[in-house]
Every structure is written in structure tokens, then in C-alpha cells.
């Protein structure tokens, strides 16, 4: 029962972080537009582990750098939430991954638990 409550509480905290997050979590306006374009163009996609992934081998370095920066900020936010909730960082990242994959727009790429990229 305690594990269930902790998971629910973490999920609620994560939901709030994903919707009303500080700038450390959300990319700035220009970066958000770049991210949206990179996803729309099929360069980047959401992974089930809560991080962005490179979909195409020929993804430009600037887009790879953007993904690395956003993933670093996500990692920091997951760690903050995990510390507040007393749960492993991986559990927070996994919950975020599920939400981000589910929120991906039609046409965007997501990495499934099977390790294969697929277009939504």
C-alpha cells in the first residue's frame, strides 16, 4: 500500500512538473520551437525512459546538441522530483517517459519498450 501511495504521489508531482515546470525543465521558446521542428522532421523522438532520442543516423550535430541539453535538464528535474518524493530517479524518468510518449503528436517518432522507433 505504501508503494502504491508513493507511486501515485510521484506521478502527481511529475504531472505538475510536466505541465507547470520551471525553465530548467522546459526549453526556452526558441529551443522549444527547434525541438518541435526536430520532432516534426523526424530527427528526434521521445523514448520510454523519459529522454529524447536521435531517430536518424544523419541527424545534424546542432539537433543532437539540443537533445543533449534538454536531456541534461530533464535528468536534473527527475532527480529533484525523486529526491522530494523519496523514489529512484529511474522511476520518475519512466513515468515521465510514459507521459511524453503518450503526449507525442501524430506523425512524431517514439521509441517503444521493444527498442524500435515507430511513428505515431
N, C-alpha and C. Protein backbone atom coordinates (compact mmCIF):
# COMPACT_ATOMS: atom_id res chain seq x y z
N UNK A 1 0.82 -1.19 0.00
CA UNK A 1 0.00 0.00 0.00
C UNK A 1 0.86 1.25 0.00
N UNK A 2 1.93 1.28 0.79
CA UNK A 2 2.82 2.44 0.83
C UNK A 2 3.44 2.68 -0.54
N UNK A 3 3.89 1.62 -1.22
CA UNK A 3 4.48 1.75 -2.55
C UNK A 3 3.47 2.36 -3.51
N UNK A 4 2.23 1.94 -3.45
CA UNK A 4 1.18 2.45 -4.33
C UNK A 4 0.97 3.94 -4.08
N UNK A 5 0.93 4.36 -2.81
CA UNK A 5 0.76 5.78 -2.48
C UNK A 5 1.94 6.60 -2.98
N UNK A 6 3.14 6.07 -2.77
CA UNK A 6 4.34 6.77 -3.21
C UNK A 6 4.33 6.93 -4.73
N UNK A 7 3.97 5.89 -5.42
CA UNK A 7 3.92 5.95 -6.88
C UNK A 7 2.88 6.96 -7.33
N UNK A 8 1.72 6.95 -6.73
CA UNK A 8 0.68 7.92 -7.08
C UNK A 8 1.14 9.34 -6.81
N UNK A 9 1.75 9.55 -5.65
CA UNK A 9 2.22 10.87 -5.27
C UNK A 9 3.31 11.34 -6.25
N UNK A 10 4.20 10.44 -6.61
CA UNK A 10 5.25 10.76 -7.57
C UNK A 10 4.65 11.09 -8.92
N UNK A 11 3.66 10.33 -9.34
CA UNK A 11 3.01 10.56 -10.62
C UNK A 11 2.34 11.93 -10.64
N UNK A 12 1.69 12.30 -9.53
CA UNK A 12 1.06 13.62 -9.44
C UNK A 12 2.12 14.70 -9.49
N UNK A 13 3.20 14.53 -8.74
CA UNK A 13 4.29 15.51 -8.75
C UNK A 13 4.88 15.64 -10.14
N UNK A 14 5.06 14.52 -10.82
CA UNK A 14 5.61 14.53 -12.17
C UNK A 14 4.65 15.21 -13.13
N UNK A 15 3.37 14.95 -12.99
CA UNK A 15 2.38 15.61 -13.85
C UNK A 15 2.42 17.11 -13.71
N UNK A 16 2.56 17.57 -12.47
CA UNK A 16 2.68 19.01 -12.24
C UNK A 16 3.96 19.55 -12.85
N UNK A 17 5.04 18.81 -12.73
CA UNK A 17 6.32 19.25 -13.29
C UNK A 17 6.26 19.32 -14.81
N UNK A 18 5.55 18.41 -15.43
CA UNK A 18 5.47 18.41 -16.89
C UNK A 18 4.57 19.52 -17.41
N UNK A 19 3.58 19.95 -16.62
CA UNK A 19 2.66 20.96 -17.10
C UNK A 19 3.00 22.37 -16.64
N UNK A 20 3.56 22.51 -15.46
CA UNK A 20 3.85 23.84 -14.92
C UNK A 20 5.31 23.94 -14.51
N UNK A 21 6.16 23.42 -15.36
CA UNK A 21 7.57 23.29 -15.00
C UNK A 21 8.33 24.60 -15.12
N UNK A 22 9.40 24.72 -14.31
CA UNK A 22 10.27 25.88 -14.44
C UNK A 22 11.08 25.79 -15.72
N UNK A 23 11.81 26.85 -16.04
CA UNK A 23 12.59 26.87 -17.28
C UNK A 23 13.66 25.79 -17.29
N UNK A 24 14.07 25.30 -16.14
CA UNK A 24 15.05 24.21 -16.12
C UNK A 24 14.49 22.97 -16.78
N UNK A 25 13.19 22.80 -16.72
CA UNK A 25 12.57 21.62 -17.32
C UNK A 25 12.20 21.89 -18.76
N UNK A 26 11.53 22.99 -19.00
CA UNK A 26 11.09 23.30 -20.35
C UNK A 26 12.14 24.10 -21.09
N UNK A 27 12.35 23.76 -22.34
CA UNK A 27 13.31 24.54 -23.10
C UNK A 27 12.76 25.95 -23.33
N UNK A 28 13.64 26.91 -23.48
CA UNK A 28 13.21 28.27 -23.78
C UNK A 28 12.44 28.28 -25.09
N UNK A 29 11.74 29.38 -25.37
CA UNK A 29 10.87 29.47 -26.54
C UNK A 29 11.59 29.05 -27.83
N UNK A 30 12.77 29.59 -28.11
CA UNK A 30 13.49 29.24 -29.34
C UNK A 30 13.84 27.76 -29.36
N UNK A 31 14.33 27.25 -28.22
CA UNK A 31 14.68 25.83 -28.14
C UNK A 31 13.44 24.96 -28.29
N UNK A 32 12.33 25.41 -27.72
CA UNK A 32 11.07 24.65 -27.83
C UNK A 32 10.63 24.58 -29.30
N UNK A 33 10.79 25.69 -30.02
CA UNK A 33 10.44 25.68 -31.44
C UNK A 33 11.38 24.77 -32.21
N UNK A 34 12.68 24.82 -31.87
CA UNK A 34 13.65 23.93 -32.51
C UNK A 34 13.32 22.47 -32.21
N UNK A 35 12.95 22.18 -30.96
CA UNK A 35 12.59 20.83 -30.58
C UNK A 35 11.36 20.37 -31.35
N UNK A 36 10.35 21.21 -31.41
CA UNK A 36 9.13 20.86 -32.14
C UNK A 36 9.45 20.57 -33.61
N UNK A 37 10.30 21.40 -34.20
CA UNK A 37 10.69 21.19 -35.60
C UNK A 37 11.48 19.89 -35.76
N UNK A 38 12.40 19.64 -34.83
CA UNK A 38 13.22 18.43 -34.91
C UNK A 38 12.35 17.18 -34.78
N UNK A 39 11.34 17.25 -33.94
CA UNK A 39 10.41 16.11 -33.80
C UNK A 39 9.56 15.97 -35.05
N UNK A 40 9.04 17.09 -35.52
CA UNK A 40 8.18 17.07 -36.71
C UNK A 40 8.94 16.55 -37.93
N UNK A 41 10.23 16.92 -38.02
CA UNK A 41 11.05 16.50 -39.16
C UNK A 41 11.61 15.09 -39.01
N UNK A 42 11.33 14.45 -37.87
CA UNK A 42 11.74 13.06 -37.68
C UNK A 42 13.17 12.87 -37.23
N UNK A 43 13.83 13.95 -36.77
CA UNK A 43 15.21 13.83 -36.28
C UNK A 43 15.23 13.28 -34.85
N UNK A 44 14.31 13.75 -34.02
CA UNK A 44 14.27 13.37 -32.60
C UNK A 44 12.92 12.77 -32.26
N UNK A 45 12.91 11.93 -31.24
CA UNK A 45 11.67 11.35 -30.76
C UNK A 45 11.76 11.11 -29.27
N UNK A 46 10.61 10.85 -28.66
CA UNK A 46 10.54 10.57 -27.23
C UNK A 46 10.82 9.09 -27.00
N UNK A 47 11.58 8.82 -25.94
CA UNK A 47 11.87 7.45 -25.54
C UNK A 47 11.06 7.12 -24.29
N UNK A 48 10.81 5.83 -24.09
CA UNK A 48 10.03 5.40 -22.93
C UNK A 48 10.77 5.58 -21.61
N UNK A 49 12.06 5.88 -21.67
CA UNK A 49 12.83 6.09 -20.44
C UNK A 49 12.83 7.55 -19.99
N UNK A 50 12.06 8.41 -20.68
CA UNK A 50 11.93 9.79 -20.27
C UNK A 50 12.87 10.77 -20.94
N UNK A 51 13.63 10.31 -21.90
CA UNK A 51 14.61 11.17 -22.57
C UNK A 51 14.35 11.22 -24.07
N UNK A 52 14.92 12.24 -24.70
CA UNK A 52 14.84 12.35 -26.16
C UNK A 52 15.85 11.40 -26.78
N UNK A 53 15.51 10.90 -27.95
CA UNK A 53 16.42 10.04 -28.68
C UNK A 53 16.59 10.53 -30.10
N UNK A 54 17.72 10.19 -30.69
CA UNK A 54 18.01 10.51 -32.08
C UNK A 54 17.44 9.40 -32.94
N UNK A 55 16.54 9.77 -33.84
CA UNK A 55 15.84 8.78 -34.67
C UNK A 55 16.67 8.40 -35.89
N UNK A 56 17.29 9.40 -36.53
CA UNK A 56 18.02 9.16 -37.78
C UNK A 56 19.53 9.27 -37.55
N UNK A 57 20.27 8.38 -38.18
CA UNK A 57 21.73 8.38 -38.03
C UNK A 57 22.36 9.67 -38.56
N UNK A 58 21.74 10.30 -39.55
CA UNK A 58 22.31 11.50 -40.15
C UNK A 58 21.78 12.80 -39.52
N UNK A 59 21.28 12.71 -38.29
CA UNK A 59 20.78 13.89 -37.58
C UNK A 59 21.91 14.90 -37.42
N UNK A 60 21.67 16.16 -37.80
CA UNK A 60 22.71 17.20 -37.67
C UNK A 60 23.19 17.37 -36.23
N UNK A 61 24.44 17.76 -36.07
CA UNK A 61 25.05 17.93 -34.76
C UNK A 61 24.29 18.96 -33.92
N UNK A 62 23.80 20.03 -34.53
CA UNK A 62 23.07 21.06 -33.77
C UNK A 62 21.83 20.47 -33.11
N UNK A 63 21.17 19.56 -33.78
CA UNK A 63 19.97 18.92 -33.23
C UNK A 63 20.37 17.93 -32.14
N UNK A 64 21.47 17.22 -32.33
CA UNK A 64 21.97 16.31 -31.30
C UNK A 64 22.34 17.09 -30.03
N UNK A 65 22.95 18.25 -30.21
CA UNK A 65 23.33 19.10 -29.08
C UNK A 65 22.09 19.59 -28.35
N UNK A 66 21.06 19.97 -29.09
CA UNK A 66 19.79 20.38 -28.49
C UNK A 66 19.22 19.25 -27.64
N UNK A 67 19.21 18.04 -28.18
CA UNK A 67 18.69 16.88 -27.44
C UNK A 67 19.51 16.62 -26.18
N UNK A 68 20.82 16.72 -26.29
CA UNK A 68 21.69 16.51 -25.12
C UNK A 68 21.38 17.54 -24.03
N UNK A 69 21.19 18.79 -24.43
CA UNK A 69 20.90 19.86 -23.47
C UNK A 69 19.56 19.63 -22.78
N UNK A 70 18.55 19.29 -23.55
CA UNK A 70 17.23 19.03 -22.97
C UNK A 70 17.27 17.80 -22.07
N UNK A 71 17.97 16.76 -22.49
CA UNK A 71 18.08 15.55 -21.65
C UNK A 71 18.80 15.84 -20.34
N UNK A 72 19.82 16.70 -20.38
CA UNK A 72 20.52 17.08 -19.15
C UNK A 72 19.56 17.79 -18.20
N UNK A 73 18.73 18.69 -18.73
CA UNK A 73 17.76 19.42 -17.90
C UNK A 73 16.68 18.48 -17.38
N UNK A 74 16.26 17.54 -18.20
CA UNK A 74 15.27 16.55 -17.74
C UNK A 74 15.85 15.74 -16.58
N UNK A 75 17.10 15.28 -16.76
CA UNK A 75 17.75 14.49 -15.71
C UNK A 75 17.79 15.25 -14.39
N UNK A 76 18.10 16.53 -14.45
CA UNK A 76 18.13 17.36 -13.24
C UNK A 76 16.74 17.45 -12.61
N UNK A 77 15.73 17.64 -13.42
CA UNK A 77 14.37 17.75 -12.89
C UNK A 77 13.89 16.41 -12.32
N UNK A 78 14.19 15.31 -13.00
CA UNK A 78 13.83 13.99 -12.47
C UNK A 78 14.50 13.76 -11.11
N UNK A 79 15.76 14.15 -11.00
CA UNK A 79 16.48 13.98 -9.74
C UNK A 79 15.86 14.82 -8.63
N UNK A 80 15.44 16.03 -8.95
CA UNK A 80 14.80 16.90 -7.96
C UNK A 80 13.51 16.27 -7.46
N UNK A 81 12.69 15.80 -8.38
CA UNK A 81 11.41 15.18 -8.02
C UNK A 81 11.66 13.90 -7.22
N UNK A 82 12.61 13.10 -7.67
CA UNK A 82 12.91 11.83 -6.98
C UNK A 82 13.35 12.10 -5.55
N UNK A 83 14.16 13.11 -5.35
CA UNK A 83 14.62 13.43 -4.00
C UNK A 83 13.45 13.89 -3.14
N UNK A 84 12.59 14.73 -3.68
CA UNK A 84 11.42 15.20 -2.92
C UNK A 84 10.50 14.06 -2.54
N UNK A 85 10.33 13.12 -3.44
CA UNK A 85 9.37 12.03 -3.23
C UNK A 85 9.98 10.79 -2.60
N UNK A 86 11.30 10.74 -2.53
CA UNK A 86 11.96 9.58 -1.93
C UNK A 86 11.85 8.32 -2.78
N UNK A 87 11.93 8.50 -4.08
CA UNK A 87 11.86 7.37 -5.01
C UNK A 87 13.08 7.41 -5.93
N UNK A 88 13.38 6.30 -6.59
CA UNK A 88 14.52 6.29 -7.51
C UNK A 88 14.31 7.23 -8.71
N UNK A 89 15.38 7.82 -9.18
CA UNK A 89 15.33 8.71 -10.34
C UNK A 89 14.76 7.96 -11.55
N UNK A 90 15.13 6.70 -11.70
CA UNK A 90 14.67 5.90 -12.83
C UNK A 90 13.15 5.77 -12.85
N UNK A 91 12.54 5.68 -11.65
CA UNK A 91 11.08 5.58 -11.57
C UNK A 91 10.43 6.85 -12.05
N UNK A 92 10.99 7.99 -11.68
CA UNK A 92 10.44 9.28 -12.13
C UNK A 92 10.62 9.41 -13.64
N UNK A 93 11.80 9.06 -14.14
CA UNK A 93 12.07 9.14 -15.58
C UNK A 93 11.12 8.23 -16.36
N UNK A 94 10.86 7.05 -15.84
CA UNK A 94 9.96 6.10 -16.51
C UNK A 94 8.54 6.66 -16.59
N UNK A 95 8.06 7.25 -15.49
CA UNK A 95 6.73 7.85 -15.51
C UNK A 95 6.68 9.00 -16.52
N UNK A 96 7.72 9.81 -16.54
CA UNK A 96 7.78 10.91 -17.49
C UNK A 96 7.78 10.37 -18.92
N UNK A 97 8.57 9.33 -19.15
CA UNK A 97 8.63 8.72 -20.49
C UNK A 97 7.28 8.25 -20.97
N UNK A 98 6.53 7.60 -20.08
CA UNK A 98 5.20 7.13 -20.45
C UNK A 98 4.31 8.30 -20.84
N UNK A 99 4.36 9.38 -20.04
CA UNK A 99 3.53 10.55 -20.33
C UNK A 99 3.96 11.22 -21.64
N UNK A 100 5.27 11.38 -21.83
CA UNK A 100 5.76 12.06 -23.02
C UNK A 100 5.48 11.26 -24.29
N UNK A 101 5.62 9.95 -24.23
CA UNK A 101 5.31 9.10 -25.38
C UNK A 101 3.81 9.19 -25.68
N UNK A 102 2.98 9.14 -24.65
CA UNK A 102 1.54 9.23 -24.86
C UNK A 102 1.11 10.59 -25.42
N UNK A 103 1.83 11.65 -25.03
CA UNK A 103 1.51 13.00 -25.50
C UNK A 103 2.06 13.32 -26.88
N UNK A 104 2.94 12.49 -27.39
CA UNK A 104 3.54 12.76 -28.70
C UNK A 104 2.44 12.94 -29.75
N UNK A 105 2.65 13.90 -30.60
CA UNK A 105 1.67 14.21 -31.64
C UNK A 105 1.71 13.18 -32.75
N UNK A 106 0.63 13.12 -33.48
CA UNK A 106 0.57 12.24 -34.64
C UNK A 106 1.68 12.63 -35.62
N UNK A 107 2.40 11.63 -36.11
CA UNK A 107 3.50 11.86 -37.03
C UNK A 107 4.85 11.92 -36.35
N UNK A 108 4.88 12.13 -35.02
CA UNK A 108 6.15 12.15 -34.29
C UNK A 108 6.62 10.72 -34.04
N UNK A 109 7.91 10.59 -33.79
CA UNK A 109 8.51 9.29 -33.55
C UNK A 109 8.65 9.03 -32.06
N UNK A 110 8.37 7.79 -31.66
CA UNK A 110 8.53 7.36 -30.27
C UNK A 110 9.26 6.02 -30.26
N UNK A 111 10.08 5.84 -29.23
CA UNK A 111 10.81 4.59 -29.08
C UNK A 111 10.04 3.70 -28.12
N UNK A 112 9.63 2.55 -28.61
CA UNK A 112 8.86 1.64 -27.79
C UNK A 112 9.73 0.83 -26.85
N UNK A 113 9.08 0.16 -25.93
CA UNK A 113 9.78 -0.69 -24.96
C UNK A 113 10.56 -1.81 -25.67
N UNK A 114 10.15 -2.11 -26.90
CA UNK A 114 10.84 -3.16 -27.68
C UNK A 114 12.12 -2.65 -28.34
N UNK A 115 12.40 -1.34 -28.19
CA UNK A 115 13.62 -0.77 -28.75
C UNK A 115 13.51 -0.32 -30.18
N UNK A 116 12.31 -0.34 -30.72
CA UNK A 116 12.10 0.07 -32.11
C UNK A 116 11.41 1.42 -32.18
N UNK A 117 11.88 2.28 -33.10
CA UNK A 117 11.23 3.57 -33.34
C UNK A 117 10.00 3.32 -34.20
N UNK A 118 8.93 4.03 -33.86
CA UNK A 118 7.71 3.97 -34.68
C UNK A 118 7.06 5.34 -34.70
N UNK A 119 6.40 5.61 -35.81
CA UNK A 119 5.74 6.89 -35.96
C UNK A 119 4.32 6.78 -35.42
N UNK A 120 3.94 7.77 -34.63
CA UNK A 120 2.60 7.76 -34.05
C UNK A 120 1.58 8.14 -35.09
